[in-house]
Protein backbone atom coordinates (compact mmCIF):
# COMPACT_ATOMS: atom_id res chain seq x y z
CA MET A 1 1.17 -6.72 -22.42
CA SER A 2 -0.16 -9.01 -25.07
CA LYS A 3 -1.27 -7.42 -27.66
CA TRP A 4 -5.02 -8.75 -27.32
CA ARG A 5 -4.89 -7.17 -24.00
CA LEU A 6 -3.94 -3.68 -25.34
CA LEU A 7 -7.15 -4.71 -27.76
CA PHE A 8 -9.14 -5.56 -24.48
CA ILE A 9 -8.00 -2.48 -22.65
CA ALA A 10 -8.75 -0.06 -26.11
CA VAL A 11 -12.08 -1.26 -26.77
CA LEU A 12 -13.04 -0.87 -23.19
CA THR A 13 -11.79 2.72 -22.64
CA PHE A 14 -13.71 3.46 -26.23
CA ALA A 15 -16.67 2.18 -24.84
CA SER A 16 -16.53 3.93 -21.41
CA MET A 17 -15.94 7.22 -23.22
CA LEU A 18 -19.00 7.06 -25.39
CA PRO A 19 -22.29 9.46 -24.55
CA THR A 20 -24.36 7.95 -21.74
CA PRO A 21 -28.33 9.17 -22.18
CA GLY A 22 -29.28 11.46 -19.18
CA TYR A 23 -25.72 12.58 -18.31
CA CYS A 24 -26.04 16.06 -19.14
CA GLU A 25 -23.06 17.26 -20.44
CA GLN A 26 -19.33 15.01 -20.58
CA LYS A 27 -15.68 16.96 -20.80
CA TRP A 28 -12.66 14.80 -22.16
CA GLU A 29 -9.52 15.28 -20.71
CA PHE A 30 -6.40 13.78 -22.56
CA PHE A 31 -3.84 15.76 -20.78
CA ASP A 32 -1.91 16.16 -23.52
CA GLU A 33 -0.64 19.36 -22.24
CA ASP A 34 -0.66 20.57 -18.46
CA PRO A 35 -4.63 21.37 -17.88
CA GLY A 36 -3.80 24.05 -14.98
CA TRP A 37 -6.38 22.69 -12.82
CA ASP A 38 -7.32 23.83 -9.20
CA GLY A 39 -4.67 21.92 -6.43
CA ILE A 40 -4.10 22.52 -2.62
CA ASN A 41 -1.16 20.93 -1.16
CA ASN A 42 -0.78 18.50 -3.68
CA ARG A 43 3.03 19.52 -4.37
CA SER A 44 3.94 19.91 -1.23
CA THR A 45 6.97 21.16 0.68
CA ALA A 46 6.21 21.28 3.93
CA ARG A 47 8.40 19.00 4.56
CA GLU A 48 12.38 19.72 2.92
CA PRO A 49 13.98 16.33 1.23
CA GLU A 50 15.85 14.02 3.78
CA LYS A 51 18.87 12.70 3.57
CA VAL A 52 18.78 8.39 4.08
CA VAL A 53 21.89 6.60 4.84
CA GLN A 54 22.09 3.27 4.06
CA ASP A 55 24.99 0.73 5.43
CA PHE A 56 24.54 -2.27 6.15
CA GLY A 57 25.64 -5.94 5.10
CA TYR A 58 29.23 -7.60 5.86
CA VAL A 59 30.87 -6.90 9.35
CA PRO A 60 33.67 -9.01 9.99
CA GLU A 61 34.90 -9.73 13.40
CA SER A 62 36.12 -6.72 15.58
CA ASP A 63 35.77 -5.50 18.60
CA GLY A 64 34.55 -8.72 20.92
CA HIS A 65 31.68 -8.97 18.15
CA SER A 66 31.88 -11.97 15.91
CA ALA A 67 31.94 -11.95 12.55
CA ARG A 68 27.88 -10.81 11.47
CA ILE A 69 25.41 -9.22 8.54
CA GLY A 70 24.15 -5.71 9.75
CA GLY A 71 24.78 -2.32 10.41
CA ARG A 72 22.86 1.00 9.62
CA ILE A 73 18.91 0.58 8.29
CA THR A 74 16.97 3.00 7.52
CA PRO A 75 12.88 2.85 6.59
CA ALA A 76 12.29 3.85 3.11
CA GLY A 77 10.85 4.23 -0.27
CA GLU A 78 13.55 2.91 -1.66
CA PRO A 79 14.65 -0.42 -1.54
CA ALA A 80 17.82 -1.68 -0.17
CA TYR A 81 18.82 -5.08 1.15
CA TYR A 82 21.90 -7.07 1.54
CA GLY A 83 20.56 -11.71 1.02
CA LYS A 84 21.72 -14.79 0.25
CA ALA A 85 21.17 -16.21 -3.04
CA ILE A 86 19.12 -19.26 -2.21
CA ASP A 87 17.85 -22.19 -4.12
CA SER A 88 14.21 -20.72 -5.46
CA LEU A 89 11.72 -21.57 -3.08
CA THR A 90 7.85 -21.36 -3.23
CA LEU A 91 4.59 -22.05 -0.46
CA ASP A 92 5.00 -25.69 -1.80
CA ASP A 93 8.52 -26.16 0.25
CA PRO A 94 8.97 -26.36 4.05
CA ILE A 95 11.37 -23.08 4.78
CA THR A 96 13.04 -22.79 8.24
CA ALA A 97 15.67 -20.25 9.26
CA SER A 98 17.14 -19.26 12.57
CA GLY A 99 19.79 -17.18 14.48
CA GLN A 100 20.41 -14.21 16.76
CA LEU A 101 19.60 -11.24 16.46
CA VAL A 102 20.73 -7.60 17.92
CA VAL A 103 18.80 -4.60 17.96
CA ALA A 104 20.83 -1.45 19.40
CA GLU A 105 18.84 1.33 20.75
CA GLY A 106 17.00 3.56 18.46
CA GLY A 107 14.39 3.40 16.13
CA GLY A 108 14.99 1.36 12.48
CA HIS A 109 11.76 -0.66 11.06
CA PHE A 110 13.45 -3.57 8.42
CA LEU A 111 12.61 -7.52 7.78
CA VAL A 112 14.92 -10.61 8.45
CA GLY A 113 13.85 -12.93 6.22
CA PHE A 114 12.88 -14.76 2.76
CA PHE A 115 12.12 -12.28 -0.11
CA ASN A 116 12.21 -12.00 -3.93
CA SER A 117 14.81 -9.69 -4.83
CA GLN A 118 13.04 -9.77 -8.80
CA THR A 119 9.49 -7.93 -7.16
CA ILE A 120 10.75 -5.72 -3.80
CA ASN A 121 8.80 -2.36 -4.68
CA GLU A 122 7.02 -1.19 -1.36
CA TRP A 123 6.00 -2.64 2.32
CA ARG A 124 4.42 -5.00 2.38
CA THR A 125 6.63 -6.18 -0.43
CA PRO A 126 4.81 -9.77 -2.24
CA ASN A 127 6.69 -12.77 -2.00
CA THR A 128 8.11 -12.52 1.64
CA LEU A 129 8.45 -14.71 4.55
CA VAL A 130 9.89 -12.85 7.43
CA PHE A 131 9.92 -11.24 10.65
CA ARG A 132 9.98 -7.63 10.91
CA ILE A 133 11.36 -5.39 13.13
CA ASN A 134 10.07 -2.27 14.79
CA GLY A 135 12.86 -0.30 16.99
CA ARG A 136 10.57 1.47 19.59
CA GLY A 137 13.72 3.93 21.35
CA LYS A 138 14.69 1.51 23.90
CA PHE A 139 12.74 -1.41 23.44
CA PHE A 140 11.64 -2.96 19.75
CA HIS A 141 8.33 -5.26 18.55
CA PRO A 142 9.21 -8.52 16.58
CA HIS A 143 6.22 -9.28 13.99
CA LEU A 144 5.80 -12.11 12.08
CA GLU A 145 3.99 -11.70 8.23
CA TYR A 146 4.11 -12.95 4.95
CA THR A 147 3.16 -11.14 1.62
CA THR A 148 1.85 -13.75 -1.35
CA ARG A 149 2.63 -13.00 -5.12
CA LEU A 150 -0.54 -10.42 -5.68
CA TRP A 151 -0.19 -8.51 -2.10
CA LYS A 152 -2.29 -10.74 0.25
CA ALA A 153 -0.46 -10.57 3.59
CA GLN A 154 -1.11 -11.12 6.79
CA ALA A 155 0.39 -10.74 10.37
CA THR A 156 1.20 -10.93 14.16
CA VAL A 157 3.18 -9.94 17.28
CA ILE A 158 5.12 -12.57 18.91
CA GLY A 159 3.85 -12.60 22.40
CA ARG A 160 4.98 -14.18 25.51
CA HIS A 161 1.58 -16.27 26.98
CA ASP A 162 0.04 -15.95 29.92
CA VAL A 163 -0.99 -18.92 31.82
CA GLU A 164 -2.71 -17.99 34.91
CA ALA A 165 -4.22 -14.93 32.44
CA ASP A 166 -4.75 -17.41 29.32
CA ARG A 167 -3.46 -14.10 27.25
CA VAL A 168 -0.81 -13.52 25.27
CA TYR A 169 1.07 -10.35 25.61
CA PRO A 170 3.78 -8.94 22.43
CA ILE A 171 6.58 -8.78 23.07
CA GLU A 172 8.52 -5.75 24.32
CA ALA A 173 12.13 -6.54 23.95
CA GLU A 174 14.83 -4.60 24.95
CA SER A 175 17.25 -2.66 22.96
CA GLY A 176 20.82 -3.00 23.46
CA PRO A 177 24.23 -5.17 22.78
CA LYS A 178 22.00 -8.91 24.29
CA GLU A 179 21.64 -11.48 21.25
CA TYR A 180 17.89 -12.71 20.65
CA SER A 181 17.79 -16.22 19.39
CA TRP A 182 14.98 -16.84 16.74
CA SER A 183 13.43 -19.21 14.41
CA ILE A 184 11.18 -19.32 11.49
CA THR A 185 9.46 -22.13 9.80
CA TYR A 186 7.02 -23.04 7.52
CA ASP A 187 4.73 -26.14 6.75
CA PRO A 188 2.73 -26.33 3.39
CA GLU A 189 1.39 -29.27 4.93
CA GLY A 190 0.08 -27.60 7.92
CA ASN A 191 -3.70 -26.52 8.20
CA ASN A 192 -4.99 -29.46 5.78
CA GLY A 193 -2.38 -28.09 3.04
CA GLY A 194 -3.40 -24.54 3.36
CA GLY A 195 -0.22 -23.75 5.22
CA SER A 196 0.93 -22.88 7.95
CA MET A 197 3.68 -20.79 10.07
CA SER A 198 5.76 -20.70 12.90
CA CYS A 199 8.50 -18.87 14.63
CA THR A 200 9.76 -18.66 18.02
CA PHE A 201 11.65 -15.33 19.63
CA GLU A 202 13.48 -15.95 22.71
CA ASP A 203 10.32 -17.59 25.56
CA GLY A 204 7.97 -16.02 23.13
CA LYS A 205 6.08 -17.14 19.94
CA ALA A 206 3.54 -17.03 17.30
CA ALA A 207 2.12 -19.57 15.12
CA TRP A 208 -0.85 -19.34 12.74
CA ASP A 209 -2.78 -21.04 9.40
CA LEU A 210 -2.51 -19.11 6.11
CA LEU A 211 -5.98 -17.59 5.09
CA PRO A 212 -7.94 -19.43 2.80
CA GLY A 213 -6.46 -19.49 -0.95
CA HIS A 214 -3.17 -17.45 0.09
CA ARG A 215 -0.74 -20.71 -0.48
CA LYS A 216 -3.21 -21.66 -3.78
CA GLU A 217 -2.12 -18.00 -5.06
CA GLY A 218 1.67 -19.01 -4.16
CA ALA A 219 4.54 -16.86 -3.25
CA THR A 220 8.43 -17.13 -4.62
CA PHE A 221 11.45 -16.69 -2.98
CA ASP A 222 14.70 -16.27 -4.11
CA ARG A 223 17.22 -14.44 -1.60
CA PHE A 224 17.67 -14.31 2.64
CA GLY A 225 18.28 -11.66 4.17
CA LEU A 226 17.85 -7.92 5.36
CA VAL A 227 15.86 -5.47 4.09
CA ASN A 228 14.22 -1.94 4.37
CA VAL A 229 10.71 -1.25 4.91
CA MET A 230 9.62 0.86 2.02
CA LYS A 231 7.32 3.16 2.90
CA SER A 232 7.88 7.41 3.39
CA VAL A 233 11.20 7.81 4.69
CA ASP A 234 11.24 7.45 8.94
CA ASN A 235 14.53 7.35 11.89
CA ALA A 236 17.12 4.24 10.96
CA GLY A 237 18.31 1.91 13.18
CA HIS A 238 21.15 -0.32 13.40
CA ALA A 239 20.74 -4.58 13.69
CA TRP A 240 22.64 -7.17 13.04
CA ILE A 241 22.32 -11.26 12.60
CA SER A 242 24.50 -14.55 13.08
CA ASP A 243 24.67 -17.86 13.95
CA LEU A 244 22.32 -18.19 11.10
CA THR A 245 21.25 -21.71 9.40
CA ILE A 246 18.67 -21.19 6.37
CA ASN A 247 16.63 -24.69 5.56
CA GLY A 248 19.23 -26.57 7.64
CA GLU A 249 22.76 -25.08 6.08
CA LYS A 250 24.64 -23.53 8.51
CA VAL A 251 26.23 -20.15 7.17
CA ASP A 252 29.71 -20.06 7.53
CA LEU A 253 30.62 -16.22 8.46
CA ASN A 254 33.80 -16.16 9.07
CA ARG A 255 34.89 -14.59 5.82
CA ASP A 256 32.81 -12.29 3.58
CA PRO A 257 30.33 -14.90 1.81
CA ASP A 258 29.63 -11.64 -0.70
CA TRP A 259 25.83 -11.73 -0.64
CA ASP A 260 23.50 -10.09 -3.15
CA ALA A 261 23.92 -6.40 -2.21
CA TYR A 262 21.51 -3.67 -3.30
CA GLY A 263 20.93 -0.18 -2.35
CA ASN A 264 22.68 -1.43 0.67
CA ARG A 265 25.83 0.98 0.81
CA ARG A 266 24.76 4.11 -0.42
CA THR A 267 23.53 7.72 1.27
CA TYR A 268 20.64 9.66 -0.87
CA GLN A 269 18.48 12.53 -0.63
CA THR A 270 14.89 11.88 -0.97
CA THR A 271 11.22 13.44 -1.13
CA ASN A 272 9.05 10.50 -0.10
CA ILE A 273 8.16 11.57 3.56
CA ARG A 274 5.38 11.39 5.05
CA PRO A 275 2.99 13.46 4.18
CA ARG A 276 5.05 15.76 1.44
CA PHE A 277 2.36 14.88 -1.26
CA ASP A 278 3.59 15.04 -4.41
CA PHE A 279 0.33 14.70 -7.27
CA GLY A 280 -0.93 16.58 -10.19
CA TYR A 281 0.21 17.13 -13.62
CA SER A 282 2.64 14.77 -15.27
CA GLU A 283 3.95 14.38 -18.33
CA THR A 284 4.43 10.57 -18.34
CA GLN A 285 1.90 7.95 -19.93
CA TYR A 286 2.01 4.75 -16.89
CA ALA A 287 -1.74 4.90 -17.14
CA GLY A 288 -1.42 4.02 -20.59
CA GLY A 289 -3.24 7.18 -22.11
CA ARG A 290 -3.46 8.15 -25.94
CA SER A 291 -0.26 10.57 -25.29
CA LEU A 292 2.39 12.31 -22.95
CA GLY A 293 1.00 13.50 -20.02
CA GLU A 294 -1.42 12.42 -17.14
CA ILE A 295 -2.16 13.31 -13.54
CA GLY A 296 -1.34 11.18 -10.40
CA GLY A 297 1.88 10.87 -8.42
CA LEU A 298 2.82 10.50 -5.06
CA ILE A 299 -0.62 10.86 -2.91
CA PHE A 300 -0.89 9.92 1.08
CA ARG A 301 -3.57 10.12 2.97
CA GLY A 302 -5.02 12.97 4.52
CA ASP A 303 -5.51 13.91 8.67
CA CYS A 304 -8.49 15.85 8.68
CA ARG A 305 -7.22 17.71 11.85
CA TYR A 306 -5.10 19.73 9.74
CA PRO A 307 -5.37 21.77 6.80
CA GLU A 308 -1.85 20.85 5.19
CA ARG A 309 -2.20 17.28 5.87
CA MET A 310 -4.92 17.46 3.14
CA ALA A 311 -4.39 17.95 -0.44
CA ALA A 312 -6.42 17.63 -3.90
CA TYR A 313 -6.11 18.57 -7.25
CA GLY A 314 -9.30 18.81 -9.09
CA ASP A 315 -11.25 20.56 -12.69
CA PRO A 316 -13.60 23.03 -11.62
CA ILE A 317 -17.05 21.79 -12.24
CA GLU A 318 -20.58 23.37 -12.29
CA THR A 319 -21.88 22.28 -8.94
CA LEU A 320 -23.31 18.35 -9.13
CA THR A 321 -25.83 16.77 -6.81
CA LEU A 322 -27.08 13.24 -5.83
CA ASP A 323 -30.46 13.89 -7.79
CA ALA A 324 -29.56 13.64 -11.89
CA PRO A 325 -27.03 11.04 -12.96
CA ILE A 326 -23.56 11.03 -13.23
CA HIS A 327 -20.34 9.73 -14.57
CA ALA A 328 -16.55 9.44 -14.87
CA SER A 329 -14.23 6.94 -16.73
CA GLY A 330 -10.63 6.46 -18.25
CA LYS A 331 -7.72 4.75 -17.21
CA VAL A 332 -5.73 3.61 -14.51
CA SER A 333 -1.95 2.56 -13.06
CA MET A 334 -1.06 1.62 -9.36
CA ARG A 335 3.08 1.67 -9.26
CA MET A 336 3.26 1.25 -5.75
CA GLY A 337 0.65 0.63 -2.74
CA VAL A 338 1.98 0.96 1.15
CA SER A 339 -0.22 -0.63 3.81
CA ASP A 340 -2.23 1.44 5.39
CA SER A 341 -2.36 3.72 2.11
CA SER A 342 -5.65 5.48 0.15
CA THR A 343 -6.23 6.84 -3.09
CA MET A 344 -9.25 8.48 -4.04
CA LEU A 345 -10.85 9.83 -7.06
CA GLY A 346 -14.18 11.58 -8.17
CA PHE A 347 -16.24 14.30 -7.35
CA TYR A 348 -16.29 16.24 -4.09
CA HIS A 349 -16.32 20.02 -2.90
CA SER A 350 -12.92 22.06 -3.46
CA GLU A 351 -13.91 23.49 0.17
CA GLU A 352 -16.49 20.72 2.43
CA THR A 353 -14.61 18.04 1.68
CA LEU A 354 -10.76 19.87 2.64
CA LYS A 355 -12.34 21.52 6.05
CA LYS A 356 -10.44 20.92 9.06
CA ASN A 357 -12.03 18.45 11.56
CA PRO A 358 -10.64 17.50 14.76
CA ALA A 359 -12.46 14.11 14.90
CA GLN A 360 -10.76 11.24 12.78
CA ASP A 361 -13.78 8.32 13.44
CA SER A 362 -14.27 8.27 9.00
CA GLY A 363 -11.61 7.79 6.40
CA LEU A 364 -13.78 9.31 3.79
CA PRO A 365 -14.60 13.16 3.09
CA LYS A 366 -17.83 14.34 3.16
CA ASN A 367 -19.25 16.07 -0.06
CA PHE A 368 -17.31 12.92 -2.18
CA LEU A 369 -18.20 10.38 -4.42
CA GLY A 370 -15.63 8.18 -6.45
CA VAL A 371 -13.41 5.45 -6.88
CA VAL A 372 -11.26 4.31 -3.78
CA LEU A 373 -7.74 2.12 -4.57
CA GLU A 374 -7.37 0.58 -0.84
CA GLY A 375 -6.70 -2.44 1.33
CA PRO A 376 -7.08 -4.44 3.62
CA SER A 377 -3.40 -6.45 3.91
CA SER A 378 -5.44 -9.61 3.73
CA ASP A 379 -7.12 -8.97 0.46
CA GLY A 380 -4.61 -7.08 -1.32
CA PHE A 381 -5.75 -3.38 -3.12
CA ASN A 382 -9.44 -3.22 -4.15
CA PHE A 383 -11.11 -1.01 -6.59
CA TYR A 384 -14.46 0.16 -5.10
CA PRO A 385 -17.19 2.79 -4.99
CA ALA A 386 -17.47 5.03 -2.13
CA TYR A 387 -19.64 8.18 -1.21
CA ARG A 388 -20.04 10.46 1.54
CA VAL A 389 -22.77 12.76 1.78
CA GLU A 390 -23.05 16.01 3.09
CA GLY A 391 -23.81 14.84 6.87
CA ASP A 392 -22.30 11.60 8.82
CA SER A 393 -23.79 8.96 6.46
CA GLN A 394 -21.74 7.02 3.80
CA SER A 395 -21.23 4.21 2.50
CA GLN A 396 -20.21 0.84 4.32
CA GLY A 397 -17.91 -1.91 2.89
CA ARG A 398 -16.57 -2.19 -0.39
CA GLY A 399 -19.69 -3.66 -2.25
CA GLU A 400 -19.74 -7.83 -3.07
CA ASN A 401 -16.58 -9.06 -4.72
CA PRO A 402 -15.17 -5.36 -5.41
CA PRO A 403 -12.11 -5.56 -8.77
CA MET A 404 -8.79 -6.06 -7.34
CA ILE A 405 -5.64 -3.84 -8.40
CA TYR A 406 -1.69 -4.84 -7.90
CA PRO A 407 0.87 -2.11 -7.83
CA ASP A 408 2.62 -4.03 -10.53
CA GLY A 409 2.33 -0.77 -12.71
CA ALA A 410 -0.37 -2.18 -15.41
CA PHE A 411 -2.54 -0.10 -16.56
CA HIS A 412 -6.46 -0.37 -16.34
CA ALA A 413 -9.92 0.60 -17.96
CA TRP A 414 -12.24 1.78 -15.77
CA SER A 415 -16.24 3.70 -14.84
CA LEU A 416 -18.18 4.94 -12.53
CA ASP A 417 -22.08 5.27 -12.83
CA TYR A 418 -24.51 6.95 -10.75
CA ASP A 419 -28.16 6.56 -10.82
CA PRO A 420 -30.14 8.46 -8.70
CA GLU A 421 -32.70 5.81 -9.76
CA GLY A 422 -31.02 3.00 -8.53
CA ALA A 423 -32.20 0.73 -5.79
CA GLY A 424 -35.61 1.20 -5.54
CA GLY A 425 -35.19 5.17 -5.72
CA LYS A 426 -32.03 5.28 -2.93
CA GLY A 427 -29.30 5.93 -5.27
CA ARG A 428 -26.81 3.33 -6.87
CA ILE A 429 -23.41 3.44 -7.47
CA LEU A 430 -21.52 0.75 -10.05
CA VAL A 431 -17.92 0.43 -10.71
CA THR A 432 -16.09 -1.00 -13.67
CA LEU A 433 -12.60 -2.06 -13.69
CA ASP A 434 -11.64 -4.64 -16.87
CA GLY A 435 -15.30 -5.23 -17.23
CA HIS A 436 -15.15 -6.49 -13.07
CA SER A 437 -18.18 -4.41 -11.86
CA VAL A 438 -19.85 -4.14 -8.49
CA THR A 439 -22.82 -2.19 -7.12
CA MET A 440 -23.27 0.17 -3.75
CA ASP A 441 -26.61 1.50 -2.71
CA LEU A 442 -26.80 4.61 -0.87
CA GLY A 443 -28.88 4.70 2.27
CA GLN A 444 -32.07 5.07 2.69
CA GLY A 445 -32.99 9.33 2.98
CA ASP A 446 -28.99 9.55 2.21
CA LYS A 447 -29.99 11.45 -1.42
CA ARG A 448 -31.77 13.98 0.52
CA GLU A 449 -28.69 15.44 2.51
CA GLY A 450 -28.29 18.12 0.43
CA THR A 451 -24.50 17.07 -1.29
CA LYS A 452 -23.22 18.79 -3.65
CA PHE A 453 -19.85 18.52 -5.61
CA ASN A 454 -17.81 21.39 -7.72
CA ARG A 455 -14.23 19.24 -8.46
CA PHE A 456 -13.81 16.70 -10.23
CA GLY A 457 -9.91 15.13 -9.91
CA ILE A 458 -7.90 13.22 -6.85
CA VAL A 459 -8.99 14.44 -2.77
CA THR A 460 -6.89 12.97 0.13
CA THR A 461 -9.12 10.61 2.96
CA TRP A 462 -9.75 11.82 6.56
CA ILE A 463 -7.43 9.27 8.29
CA ASP A 464 -3.32 9.47 7.92
CA GLY A 465 -1.48 7.33 7.04
CA ASN A 466 0.38 6.03 4.07
CA GLY A 467 1.15 6.24 0.30
CA GLN A 468 0.28 5.22 -3.15
CA ARG A 469 2.07 5.91 -6.70
CA VAL A 470 -1.01 6.48 -9.16
CA TYR A 471 -2.00 7.54 -12.54
CA PHE A 472 -5.05 8.37 -14.24
CA ASP A 473 -5.46 9.17 -17.95
CA ASP A 474 -8.24 10.11 -20.63
CA LEU A 475 -10.71 10.46 -17.96
CA ASN A 476 -14.01 11.77 -19.33
CA TYR A 477 -16.43 12.97 -16.64
CA THR A 478 -19.60 15.20 -16.11
CA TRP A 479 -18.91 18.34 -15.34
CA LYS A 480 -22.53 19.85 -15.54
CA HIS A 481 -26.02 19.51 -15.17
């Protein structure tokens, strides 16, 4: 990181920490030592560590099978791949691949196609153009997807077209010994130069145009092969690819091709198990704080149907309401962001926000005001304001043009300001990340719902999902009106 960016971050952080008139009493927390905040399920041990076995790569001819690439592939948070090094390709180049695929009965979740060995981090991982195979016992589903260099993704199921019904039915392919033929084609000149993709899978097919701006944003690929889906550990599967042609070149598997390998032949224990929350005080310095120590870690979405599947880590504060200004600011670093994941930091209630609820009709818990780090995958990850009052009323959307944050480990200065007199007295939230601001107005009457907050910190959503690794430091927040 350049000295000018470091200076910019320092200036923004200092400015955000200056006392703001009308915000009553502020508190600063630099995490020079463990603050002893209130934790609920944040260091969960509900799930024991699990053994992960990765055992895939080149398989010579044997037992009636011709030579092929594959084996046991386990979806897990830790990356594993076996790939052929190729001349660097981008979304400005035509790209093709074809071959045969066998998926054994059972689970499994993995990628087949083009990827970048230097940017593998999570699912959806940046710089990929692939099939995704999702095992479902006796069947599996093939998907087509890509992700740009900045985590913007698009995906679709591959289907069969019923002409009479004028409808596409997703393929549910039978697992077992059968070999399925497949192909991927990317045309940079399709969609009037915006880029287009197409694929075949036996008698199924899919085709689409890249979303606006995605080709320009770009992606770079330096490998072709197999990659595990990187999220919390799940059931392993067995699969093989053969009869490969990559960009018009036939791959010779009569001898060991000695492809590039990472993590593909190893056995280890993992604690990245959904929803085994693992966040709180950390003796690290990822968020760029002034000294060692911060808060954060592995944060899964919660599930309000089960008390043990919601979690929080927060500082007890005197009860705040929406009738007075509220402020928070600090530094943040996002290091991993799996699709369908969220991190929430802000003001919440230690009981109401974590109350068991049979409905999963909203991801936002009650009595919350803060910031959210979240997809959708087509956009990457937004950093945006959100709230939900004592009742069902809550923020809608993310505001116009919210800031983006990437799971690349960079640290950023951020701030949140709630003005009860904003938006003509309805109340307004202003969130800023590295100088990029977005506002969100409260709905008419939301301020009168009796909403209250008695904690400041990290709290999980009410709808379950995948995980992120996020860290916060040098926090400054309202703790008393």
